[in-house]
Amino acid sequence: MPFAAYTSRKTLDEIAASADGQERGLARSLGPMSLIGLGIGCIVGAGIFVLTGKAAASYAGPAISLSFVLSGIACAFVGLCYAELAAMIPVSGSAYTYAYATIGEVFAWIIGWDLVLEYGMGAATVAVGWSGYVMSLLGSFGIHIPPQWAEATGEAVKLADGTTAVGIVNLPAVLVVMALTGLLMVGTRESAWVNNMMVVFKLFVVCVVIVVGAMYINLAHWIPFIPQNDGNFGEFGWSGILRGSSVVFFAYIGFDAVSTAAQEARRPQQDMPIGILGSLVVCTILYILMALVMTGMVPYQKLGVADPVAVAMDATGITWLSVLVKFAALAGLTTVIFALLFGQARIFFSMARDRLLPSFFSAVHPRFRTPFASQALIGLVVALIAACFPIGLLGEMVSIGTLFAFLLVCGAVLHLRRSAPEAQRPFRTPWSPWVPVLGIGFSLLLMTGLPLATWLRLVVWLAIGLVIYFSYGHRRVLVSTAASND
């Protein structure tokens, strides 16, 4: 079979028609504020509560705020490209759909399968982190769950008496995934409302930390603002700022989840760019302010712990604020899991609509108007993964899949500017082609910095996906095409 059979593309009109032609489509119930809330909910999580402190202590010192500026600019390049494509192609599917419109079917499958690493594995990773925070919070109230029931299966667990045991299952991680899955199954509007409430609470606590913490800043902790490099690249100095930027870049992962909700936005052409760029702007400002406050309150060397915000708040002597921060961290991680589970179901919805996956994944509940059964299956699989695998192994799989998607989206903007110059663009990426090219450059730079083991896992994962594509997905599309031509 000629290779051209695998690179057939869907025109922009065909994509729009396939979305509009569904008899029972997804409910268009999300406005710009809900889309911004979805983006913030997915971005503000482990990054602001964990990653800031570790990057400051190990790489950049107080200048970690400059690292956030640099990584925010890099994300802005990619975000502008996402905004153009989401407005042009206002359907579910994110980078998968954009690939189908530009470089063809087999590449669309590859990127769709790759996005499972960002959304599915990402949700499992954050669920494991959520479990750790809830165990710590319960412990502060004198409630102690046997650690065997909060660790990955087979992991060594140290008990209070000094002995060791073997992890059975990470039960808190399972419970949070299943609870959020149930919420997503019963309605987009209802689940978005709950997500927005958690986002508001999380942002309120972050703002309280920034305002209260600003009163306890000791300017001596900012001197020197850029610690001297110790002779090793990436360890302080200007190279440390660059290394810190590479690390905290992943604190921005999640803004692309907004693009998966395009088919549920009330005015996608206007609201999608607002949702994507608005969430990026809000989160970049919060990250910079939080970084400045934390490094001003305590010496940056003390922030390389799992709960750096709590460490900074302890310097104030306000005990209730430390507990409030833990609750905010839980809310932050919860909204990240919510957004990733939401996005995964919408990507599978689009792939099934194109017949690359079974129609089961595109079935919409007649009452709730959500991908009910698909969401349930995704939640079950993510819960099982979170229950049985450690956070380190899961986290390594997320980053490269995300950067791969970013790279392709920027390339798609360049391709469509040449192949469809007259297409309607409600939002246009400014300064093209420089912005897309810079987005590609930053993505490639960060991908080359990932370890070899991560690349090998990506290759194995994509190989599994290609086996499924050639043995099932592509054959099903051919049958559908032949039937429509008869």
Protein backbone atom coordinates (compact mmCIF):
# COMPACT_ATOMS: atom_id res chain seq x y z
CA MET A 1 0.00 0.00 0.00
CA PRO A 2 1.48 3.40 -0.93
CA PHE A 3 2.53 5.67 1.91
CA ALA A 4 0.11 8.32 0.66
CA ALA A 5 -2.73 6.16 1.99
CA TYR A 6 -1.45 6.80 5.50
CA THR A 7 -0.99 10.56 5.11
CA SER A 8 -4.46 11.50 3.93
CA ARG A 9 -5.57 14.76 5.53
CA LYS A 10 -8.91 16.12 6.58
CA THR A 11 -9.66 19.59 5.32
CA LEU A 12 -10.74 22.30 7.73
CA ASP A 13 -14.24 22.15 6.25
CA GLU A 14 -14.42 18.37 6.75
CA ILE A 15 -13.34 18.68 10.37
CA ALA A 16 -15.94 21.36 11.06
CA ALA A 17 -18.64 19.37 9.26
CA SER A 18 -17.87 16.17 11.16
CA ALA A 19 -18.27 18.06 14.43
CA ASP A 20 -21.45 19.92 13.44
CA GLY A 21 -23.02 16.84 11.90
CA GLN A 22 -23.25 14.83 15.09
CA GLU A 23 -26.84 14.36 16.17
CA ARG A 24 -26.00 14.42 19.85
CA GLY A 25 -22.90 16.54 20.24
CA LEU A 26 -21.19 17.64 23.38
CA ALA A 27 -22.94 20.45 25.23
CA ARG A 28 -21.59 23.95 24.50
CA SER A 29 -21.67 25.19 28.08
CA LEU A 30 -18.24 26.71 28.76
CA GLY A 31 -17.60 30.44 28.67
CA PRO A 32 -14.23 32.26 28.71
CA MET A 33 -13.99 32.31 32.52
CA SER A 34 -14.62 28.56 32.73
CA LEU A 35 -11.95 27.98 30.08
CA ILE A 36 -9.47 30.17 31.97
CA GLY A 37 -10.41 28.25 35.12
CA LEU A 38 -9.79 24.96 33.35
CA GLY A 39 -6.33 26.14 32.25
CA ILE A 40 -5.36 27.57 35.65
CA GLY A 41 -6.71 24.44 37.32
CA CYS A 42 -4.37 22.29 35.26
CA ILE A 43 -1.31 24.57 35.46
CA VAL A 44 -1.27 25.68 39.10
CA GLY A 45 -0.50 22.52 41.00
CA ALA A 46 2.70 20.70 41.85
CA GLY A 47 4.74 23.37 40.05
CA ILE A 48 3.98 26.25 42.37
CA PHE A 49 3.81 24.12 45.53
CA VAL A 50 6.85 21.87 44.96
CA LEU A 51 8.94 22.66 41.88
CA THR A 52 9.70 26.30 42.71
CA GLY A 53 11.61 25.45 45.87
CA LYS A 54 13.62 22.60 44.40
CA ALA A 55 14.67 24.61 41.34
CA ALA A 56 15.69 27.57 43.52
CA ALA A 57 17.74 25.43 45.90
CA SER A 58 19.51 23.42 43.19
CA TYR A 59 19.89 25.71 40.17
CA ALA A 60 19.01 29.39 40.29
CA GLY A 61 18.71 30.68 43.86
CA PRO A 62 16.58 33.85 44.17
CA ALA A 63 16.89 34.27 40.38
CA ILE A 64 14.41 31.43 39.97
CA SER A 65 11.92 34.25 39.30
CA LEU A 66 13.91 35.01 36.12
CA SER A 67 13.67 31.33 35.19
CA PHE A 68 9.91 31.63 35.36
CA VAL A 69 10.04 34.70 33.13
CA LEU A 70 12.08 32.80 30.54
CA SER A 71 9.93 29.66 30.61
CA GLY A 72 6.78 31.79 30.53
CA ILE A 73 8.02 33.45 27.33
CA ALA A 74 8.72 30.01 25.83
CA CYS A 75 5.22 28.82 26.73
CA ALA A 76 3.76 32.01 25.28
CA PHE A 77 5.21 31.11 21.86
CA VAL A 78 3.51 27.71 22.00
CA GLY A 79 0.34 29.16 23.54
CA LEU A 80 -0.07 31.66 20.70
CA CYS A 81 0.13 28.77 18.21
CA TYR A 82 -2.43 26.76 20.18
CA ALA A 83 -4.73 29.79 20.24
CA GLU A 84 -4.67 30.17 16.44
CA LEU A 85 -5.39 26.49 15.79
CA ALA A 86 -8.05 26.22 18.50
CA ALA A 87 -9.90 29.19 16.98
CA MET A 88 -9.53 27.83 13.41
CA ILE A 89 -10.50 24.26 14.34
CA PRO A 90 -12.95 24.60 17.25
CA VAL A 91 -13.46 20.89 17.92
CA SER A 92 -12.24 18.46 20.57
CA GLY A 93 -8.95 16.71 20.04
CA SER A 94 -6.25 19.35 20.60
CA ALA A 95 -2.95 18.55 18.84
CA TYR A 96 -4.40 15.31 17.41
CA THR A 97 -6.97 17.21 15.35
CA TYR A 98 -4.43 19.81 14.28
CA ALA A 99 -2.12 17.05 13.02
CA TYR A 100 -4.94 15.46 11.01
CA ALA A 101 -5.51 18.78 9.25
CA THR A 102 -1.85 19.32 8.41
CA ILE A 103 0.43 16.28 8.13
CA GLY A 104 -2.02 13.42 7.84
CA GLU A 105 -3.65 10.41 9.42
CA VAL A 106 -0.70 8.35 10.63
CA PHE A 107 0.95 11.36 12.27
CA ALA A 108 -2.37 12.33 13.84
CA TRP A 109 -2.55 8.85 15.33
CA ILE A 110 1.02 9.13 16.63
CA ILE A 111 0.36 12.45 18.34
CA GLY A 112 -2.99 11.25 19.70
CA TRP A 113 -1.33 8.17 21.15
CA ASP A 114 1.50 10.36 22.44
CA LEU A 115 -0.95 12.63 24.25
CA VAL A 116 -1.94 9.70 26.44
CA LEU A 117 1.46 10.20 28.07
CA GLU A 118 0.59 13.80 28.93
CA TYR A 119 -3.02 13.38 29.96
CA GLY A 120 -3.47 9.80 31.17
CA MET A 121 -0.03 9.28 32.70
CA GLY A 122 -0.04 12.87 33.91
CA ALA A 123 -3.30 12.35 35.81
CA ALA A 124 -1.90 9.20 37.41
CA THR A 125 1.32 11.00 38.39
CA VAL A 126 -0.50 13.88 40.05
CA ALA A 127 -2.87 11.46 41.79
CA VAL A 128 0.14 9.78 43.43
CA GLY A 129 1.38 13.22 44.54
CA TRP A 130 -2.11 14.03 45.86
CA SER A 131 -1.95 10.88 47.94
CA GLY A 132 1.27 12.02 49.58
CA TYR A 133 -0.18 15.42 50.48
CA VAL A 134 -3.38 13.99 51.94
CA MET A 135 -1.40 11.53 54.07
CA SER A 136 0.66 14.43 55.42
CA LEU A 137 -2.44 16.54 56.11
CA LEU A 138 -4.24 13.71 57.86
CA GLY A 139 -1.13 13.07 59.95
CA SER A 140 -1.15 16.67 61.18
CA PHE A 141 -4.61 16.01 62.60
CA GLY A 142 -3.52 12.77 64.28
CA ILE A 143 -5.09 10.50 61.65
CA HIS A 144 -2.67 7.83 60.47
CA ILE A 145 -3.46 5.46 57.60
CA PRO A 146 -1.20 2.39 57.33
CA PRO A 147 1.46 3.44 54.79
CA GLN A 148 1.11 0.13 52.94
CA TRP A 149 -2.23 1.44 51.66
CA ALA A 150 -0.73 4.65 50.27
CA GLU A 151 2.24 3.30 48.31
CA ALA A 152 2.70 1.65 44.93
CA THR A 153 2.34 -2.10 44.81
CA GLY A 154 5.57 -3.81 45.86
CA GLU A 155 7.32 -0.61 46.98
CA ALA A 156 9.31 -0.79 50.21
CA VAL A 157 7.57 1.14 53.01
CA LYS A 158 9.21 2.21 56.27
CA LEU A 159 6.86 1.86 59.24
CA ALA A 160 6.77 3.99 62.39
CA ASP A 161 8.52 1.31 64.47
CA GLY A 162 11.47 1.26 62.08
CA THR A 163 10.55 -1.96 60.30
CA THR A 164 9.78 -2.21 56.62
CA ALA A 165 6.76 -3.50 54.77
CA VAL A 166 5.63 -3.82 51.16
CA GLY A 167 3.16 -1.43 49.56
CA ILE A 168 -0.21 -2.98 48.76
CA VAL A 169 -2.04 -0.32 46.79
CA ASN A 170 -2.17 3.49 46.73
CA LEU A 171 -5.73 3.78 47.93
CA PRO A 172 -5.99 7.61 48.25
CA ALA A 173 -4.84 7.97 44.63
CA VAL A 174 -7.50 5.53 43.48
CA LEU A 175 -10.24 7.30 45.42
CA VAL A 176 -9.48 10.79 44.09
CA VAL A 177 -9.34 9.60 40.46
CA MET A 178 -12.62 7.71 40.75
CA ALA A 179 -14.36 10.62 42.50
CA LEU A 180 -13.33 13.10 39.81
CA THR A 181 -14.22 10.62 37.07
CA GLY A 182 -17.72 10.32 38.50
CA LEU A 183 -18.04 14.11 38.55
CA LEU A 184 -16.93 14.38 34.91
CA MET A 185 -19.37 11.67 33.85
CA VAL A 186 -22.47 13.47 35.12
CA GLY A 187 -21.97 16.79 33.33
CA THR A 188 -19.47 19.26 31.93
CA ARG A 189 -21.19 22.31 33.39
CA GLU A 190 -21.49 20.82 36.86
CA SER A 191 -17.93 19.53 36.93
CA ALA A 192 -16.61 22.84 35.56
CA TRP A 193 -18.45 24.65 38.37
CA VAL A 194 -16.78 22.47 41.01
CA ASN A 195 -13.41 22.94 39.28
CA ASN A 196 -13.89 26.71 39.23
CA MET A 197 -14.67 26.73 42.97
CA MET A 198 -11.46 24.82 43.73
CA VAL A 199 -9.49 27.13 41.44
CA VAL A 200 -10.89 30.19 43.24
CA PHE A 201 -9.93 28.72 46.62
CA LYS A 202 -6.47 27.78 45.39
CA LEU A 203 -5.86 31.24 43.92
CA PHE A 204 -7.17 32.87 47.10
CA VAL A 205 -4.66 30.95 49.22
CA VAL A 206 -1.82 31.68 46.78
CA CYS A 207 -2.67 35.39 46.92
CA VAL A 208 -2.81 35.26 50.74
CA VAL A 209 0.61 33.62 50.80
CA ILE A 210 2.00 36.30 48.47
CA VAL A 211 0.50 39.22 50.43
CA VAL A 212 1.33 37.89 53.91
CA GLY A 213 4.73 36.59 52.82
CA ALA A 214 5.65 39.99 51.34
CA MET A 215 5.48 41.41 54.88
CA TYR A 216 8.16 38.97 56.04
CA ILE A 217 10.65 39.42 53.18
CA ASN A 218 14.24 39.88 54.30
CA LEU A 219 16.11 41.64 51.50
CA ALA A 220 19.35 40.02 52.66
CA HIS A 221 18.04 36.69 51.34
CA TRP A 222 18.12 38.18 47.81
CA ILE A 223 21.83 39.00 47.99
CA PRO A 224 23.30 37.89 45.70
CA PHE A 225 20.21 37.66 43.54
CA ILE A 226 22.10 35.52 41.02
CA PRO A 227 24.42 33.23 43.04
CA GLN A 228 27.86 32.69 41.55
CA ASN A 229 28.27 29.64 39.34
CA ASP A 230 30.22 26.88 41.09
CA GLY A 231 32.03 25.77 37.93
CA ASN A 232 29.40 23.30 36.73
CA PHE A 233 26.98 24.25 33.97
CA GLY A 234 23.46 24.72 35.31
CA GLU A 235 24.43 25.14 38.93
CA PHE A 236 23.72 28.83 39.65
CA GLY A 237 24.90 31.82 37.65
CA TRP A 238 23.29 32.54 34.29
CA SER A 239 23.49 28.89 33.26
CA GLY A 240 21.59 28.06 36.45
CA ILE A 241 18.80 30.40 35.39
CA LEU A 242 18.64 28.54 32.07
CA ARG A 243 18.66 25.14 33.79
CA GLY A 244 16.03 26.34 36.23
CA SER A 245 13.92 27.49 33.29
CA SER A 246 14.12 24.02 31.75
CA VAL A 247 12.94 22.51 35.03
CA VAL A 248 10.11 24.93 35.80
CA PHE A 249 8.91 24.84 32.18
CA PHE A 250 7.01 21.74 33.17
CA ALA A 251 5.15 23.74 35.80
CA TYR A 252 3.27 25.25 32.83
CA ILE A 253 2.13 21.91 31.44
CA GLY A 254 -1.63 21.95 31.20
CA PHE A 255 -2.57 25.14 29.37
CA ASP A 256 -3.08 23.02 26.25
CA ALA A 257 -5.88 21.19 28.07
CA VAL A 258 -8.05 24.21 27.28
CA SER A 259 -7.89 23.34 23.58
CA THR A 260 -9.52 19.94 24.25
CA ALA A 261 -12.68 21.77 25.34
CA ALA A 262 -13.18 23.64 22.06
CA GLN A 263 -16.33 21.71 21.14
CA GLU A 264 -17.89 22.57 24.50
CA ALA A 265 -17.09 26.30 24.36
CA ARG A 266 -20.05 28.58 23.70
CA ARG A 267 -18.07 30.83 21.30
CA PRO A 268 -14.92 28.85 20.51
CA GLN A 269 -13.47 31.31 17.98
CA GLN A 270 -13.46 34.10 20.56
CA ASP A 271 -13.23 32.16 23.82
CA MET A 272 -10.44 29.66 23.07
CA PRO A 273 -7.64 32.25 22.68
CA ILE A 274 -8.90 33.98 25.84
CA GLY A 275 -8.85 30.72 27.77
CA ILE A 276 -5.40 29.62 26.60
CA LEU A 277 -3.57 32.95 26.81
CA GLY A 278 -5.48 34.17 29.86
CA SER A 279 -4.55 31.13 31.93
CA LEU A 280 -0.91 31.45 30.84
CA VAL A 281 -0.72 35.14 31.81
CA VAL A 282 -2.34 34.62 35.23
CA CYS A 283 -0.12 31.64 36.09
CA THR A 284 3.11 33.34 34.94
CA ILE A 285 2.42 36.35 37.18
CA LEU A 286 1.61 34.12 40.16
CA TYR A 287 4.71 31.99 39.65
CA ILE A 288 7.01 35.02 39.52
CA LEU A 289 5.48 36.65 42.61
CA MET A 290 5.50 33.38 44.57
CA ALA A 291 9.15 32.75 43.66
CA LEU A 292 10.15 36.24 44.83
CA VAL A 293 8.25 35.92 48.11
CA MET A 294 9.52 32.43 48.96
CA THR A 295 13.19 33.25 48.29
CA GLY A 296 12.80 36.51 50.22
CA MET A 297 11.31 34.88 53.31
CA VAL A 298 13.92 32.14 53.87
CA PRO A 299 17.37 31.37 52.43
CA TYR A 300 16.89 29.60 49.10
CA GLN A 301 19.02 26.67 50.32
CA LYS A 302 16.19 25.67 52.68
CA LEU A 303 13.59 25.37 49.91
CA GLY A 304 14.79 22.10 48.38
CA VAL A 305 12.10 20.05 50.13
CA ALA A 306 8.77 18.49 49.17
CA ASP A 307 6.74 21.30 50.77
CA PRO A 308 8.73 24.53 50.22
CA VAL A 309 5.70 26.82 50.53
CA ALA A 310 4.95 25.39 53.97
CA VAL A 311 8.61 25.88 54.96
CA ALA A 312 8.41 29.52 53.90
CA MET A 313 5.16 30.01 55.79
CA ASP A 314 6.66 28.52 58.95
CA ALA A 315 8.99 31.52 59.00
CA THR A 316 5.98 33.73 59.73
CA GLY A 317 5.04 31.79 62.87
CA ILE A 318 1.41 31.71 61.70
CA THR A 319 0.58 28.02 62.16
CA TRP A 320 -2.91 28.14 60.66
CA LEU A 321 -1.49 29.50 57.42
CA SER A 322 0.71 26.42 56.99
CA VAL A 323 -2.36 24.17 57.29
CA LEU A 324 -4.24 26.38 54.82
CA VAL A 325 -1.37 26.00 52.35
CA LYS A 326 -1.66 22.20 52.58
CA PHE A 327 -5.37 22.42 51.80
CA ALA A 328 -4.61 24.69 48.86
CA ALA A 329 -1.98 22.25 47.61
CA LEU A 330 -4.58 19.47 47.70
CA ALA A 331 -7.05 21.67 45.83
CA GLY A 332 -4.36 22.52 43.31
CA LEU A 333 -3.49 18.92 42.61
CA THR A 334 -7.17 17.97 42.46
CA THR A 335 -7.90 20.48 39.71
CA VAL A 336 -4.88 19.23 37.73
CA ILE A 337 -6.20 15.66 37.83
CA PHE A 338 -9.64 16.97 36.84
CA ALA A 339 -8.34 18.83 33.79
CA LEU A 340 -6.16 15.94 32.60
CA LEU A 341 -8.98 13.37 32.88
CA PHE A 342 -11.26 15.81 31.05
CA GLY A 343 -8.73 16.31 28.24
CA GLN A 344 -7.97 12.60 27.78
CA ALA A 345 -11.63 11.76 27.20
CA ARG A 346 -11.99 14.53 24.61
CA ILE A 347 -8.93 13.38 22.66
CA PHE A 348 -10.24 9.81 22.53
CA PHE A 349 -13.64 11.25 21.53
CA SER A 350 -12.11 12.86 18.45
CA MET A 351 -10.05 9.80 17.53
CA ALA A 352 -13.12 7.56 17.77
CA ARG A 353 -15.16 10.01 15.69
CA ASP A 354 -12.51 9.58 12.99
CA ARG A 355 -12.85 5.78 13.38
CA LEU A 356 -9.27 5.32 14.56
CA LEU A 357 -10.66 4.05 17.87
CA PRO A 358 -13.85 2.07 18.58
CA SER A 359 -17.09 4.09 18.52
CA PHE A 360 -17.40 3.34 22.23
CA PHE A 361 -15.11 6.31 22.90
CA SER A 362 -17.29 8.79 20.98
CA ALA A 363 -20.63 7.72 22.46
CA VAL A 364 -22.34 10.62 24.26
CA HIS A 365 -24.76 10.01 27.11
CA PRO A 366 -28.28 11.13 26.05
CA ARG A 367 -28.96 12.91 29.33
CA PHE A 368 -25.57 14.13 30.61
CA ARG A 369 -24.18 14.85 27.13
CA THR A 370 -20.72 13.69 28.15
CA PRO A 371 -18.56 10.81 26.84
CA PHE A 372 -19.94 8.83 29.78
CA ALA A 373 -18.63 5.31 29.15
CA SER A 374 -15.29 6.48 27.78
CA GLN A 375 -14.72 8.71 30.79
CA ALA A 376 -15.49 5.78 33.09
CA LEU A 377 -13.00 3.48 31.35
CA ILE A 378 -10.28 6.15 31.32
CA GLY A 379 -10.82 6.81 35.02
CA LEU A 380 -10.59 3.10 35.82
CA VAL A 381 -7.32 2.65 33.89
CA VAL A 382 -5.76 5.81 35.37
CA ALA A 383 -6.79 4.73 38.87
CA LEU A 384 -5.18 1.31 38.39
CA ILE A 385 -1.94 2.89 37.14
CA ALA A 386 -1.88 5.36 40.05
CA ALA A 387 -2.54 2.52 42.47
CA CYS A 388 0.33 0.32 41.36
CA PHE A 389 3.19 2.46 40.00
CA PRO A 390 5.56 4.89 41.80
CA ILE A 391 5.52 8.60 41.00
CA GLY A 392 9.09 8.66 39.66
CA LEU A 393 8.40 6.16 36.90
CA LEU A 394 5.14 7.85 35.92
CA GLY A 395 6.58 11.37 35.93
CA GLU A 396 9.36 10.47 33.52
CA MET A 397 6.82 9.54 30.85
CA VAL A 398 4.91 12.83 30.93
CA SER A 399 7.44 15.46 29.90
CA ILE A 400 8.60 14.15 26.55
CA GLY A 401 5.07 13.49 25.34
CA THR A 402 4.07 17.06 26.15
CA LEU A 403 7.06 18.62 24.39
CA PHE A 404 6.45 16.44 21.33
CA ALA A 405 2.91 17.79 21.15
CA PHE A 406 4.11 21.38 21.56
CA LEU A 407 6.59 20.97 18.72
CA LEU A 408 3.96 19.60 16.36
CA VAL A 409 1.42 22.34 17.11
CA CYS A 410 3.95 25.07 16.24
CA GLY A 411 4.79 23.19 13.04
CA ALA A 412 1.10 22.91 12.19
CA VAL A 413 0.72 26.70 12.28
CA LEU A 414 3.60 27.10 9.83
CA HIS A 415 2.16 24.42 7.52
CA LEU A 416 -1.36 25.86 7.46
CA ARG A 417 -0.07 29.37 6.77
CA ARG A 418 1.41 27.97 3.54
CA SER A 419 -1.20 25.37 2.55
CA ALA A 420 -4.34 27.30 3.54
CA PRO A 421 -3.42 31.00 3.48
CA GLU A 422 -7.00 32.07 2.76
CA ALA A 423 -8.58 30.09 5.61
CA GLN A 424 -10.52 32.08 8.17
CA ARG A 425 -8.42 32.78 11.24
CA PRO A 426 -10.41 34.40 14.06
CA PHE A 427 -7.13 34.65 15.94
CA ARG A 428 -3.76 34.94 14.21
CA THR A 429 -0.42 34.12 15.82
CA PRO A 430 1.50 37.42 15.65
CA TRP A 431 4.95 37.77 14.13
CA SER A 432 4.69 34.56 12.15
CA PRO A 433 6.81 32.65 11.24
CA TRP A 434 9.13 33.77 14.05
CA VAL A 435 6.82 32.86 16.94
CA PRO A 436 6.15 29.29 15.71
CA VAL A 437 9.84 28.80 14.90
CA LEU A 438 10.83 29.93 18.38
CA GLY A 439 8.21 27.58 19.85
CA ILE A 440 9.74 24.69 17.91
CA GLY A 441 13.24 25.72 18.97
CA PHE A 442 12.42 25.84 22.68
CA SER A 443 10.60 22.49 22.51
CA LEU A 444 13.53 20.80 20.75
CA LEU A 445 16.01 22.31 23.20
CA LEU A 446 14.15 20.94 26.18
CA MET A 447 13.60 17.54 24.55
CA THR A 448 17.33 17.12 23.95
CA GLY A 449 17.91 17.68 27.66
CA LEU A 450 15.83 14.65 28.65
CA PRO A 451 17.64 11.41 29.60
CA LEU A 452 18.10 8.51 27.19
CA ALA A 453 15.81 6.25 29.21
CA THR A 454 12.93 8.65 28.61
CA TRP A 455 13.53 8.55 24.86
CA LEU A 456 13.62 4.74 24.89
CA ARG A 457 10.30 4.55 26.74
CA LEU A 458 8.81 6.96 24.20
CA VAL A 459 10.00 4.76 21.32
CA VAL A 460 8.46 1.65 22.92
CA TRP A 461 5.20 3.47 23.62
CA LEU A 462 4.95 4.76 20.03
CA ALA A 463 5.77 1.30 18.66
CA ILE A 464 2.84 -0.17 20.60
CA GLY A 465 0.64 2.58 19.22
CA LEU A 466 1.70 1.94 15.64
CA VAL A 467 0.88 -1.76 15.99
CA ILE A 468 -2.65 -0.80 17.06
CA TYR A 469 -2.91 1.72 14.21
CA PHE A 470 -1.85 -0.62 11.41
CA SER A 471 -3.77 -3.63 12.73
CA TYR A 472 -7.00 -1.81 13.63
CA GLY A 473 -7.30 1.96 13.21
CA HIS A 474 -6.19 2.42 9.61
CA ARG A 475 -8.08 -0.67 8.41
CA ARG A 476 -11.27 0.65 9.99
CA VAL A 477 -10.85 4.03 8.29
CA LEU A 478 -10.36 2.29 4.92
CA VAL A 479 -13.56 0.29 5.38
CA SER A 480 -15.45 3.46 6.27
CA THR A 481 -14.04 5.34 3.27
CA ALA A 482 -14.87 2.48 0.88
CA ALA A 483 -18.43 2.29 2.21
CA SER A 484 -18.98 6.02 1.80
CA ASN A 485 -17.73 5.88 -1.82
CA ASP A 486 -20.15 3.08 -2.80
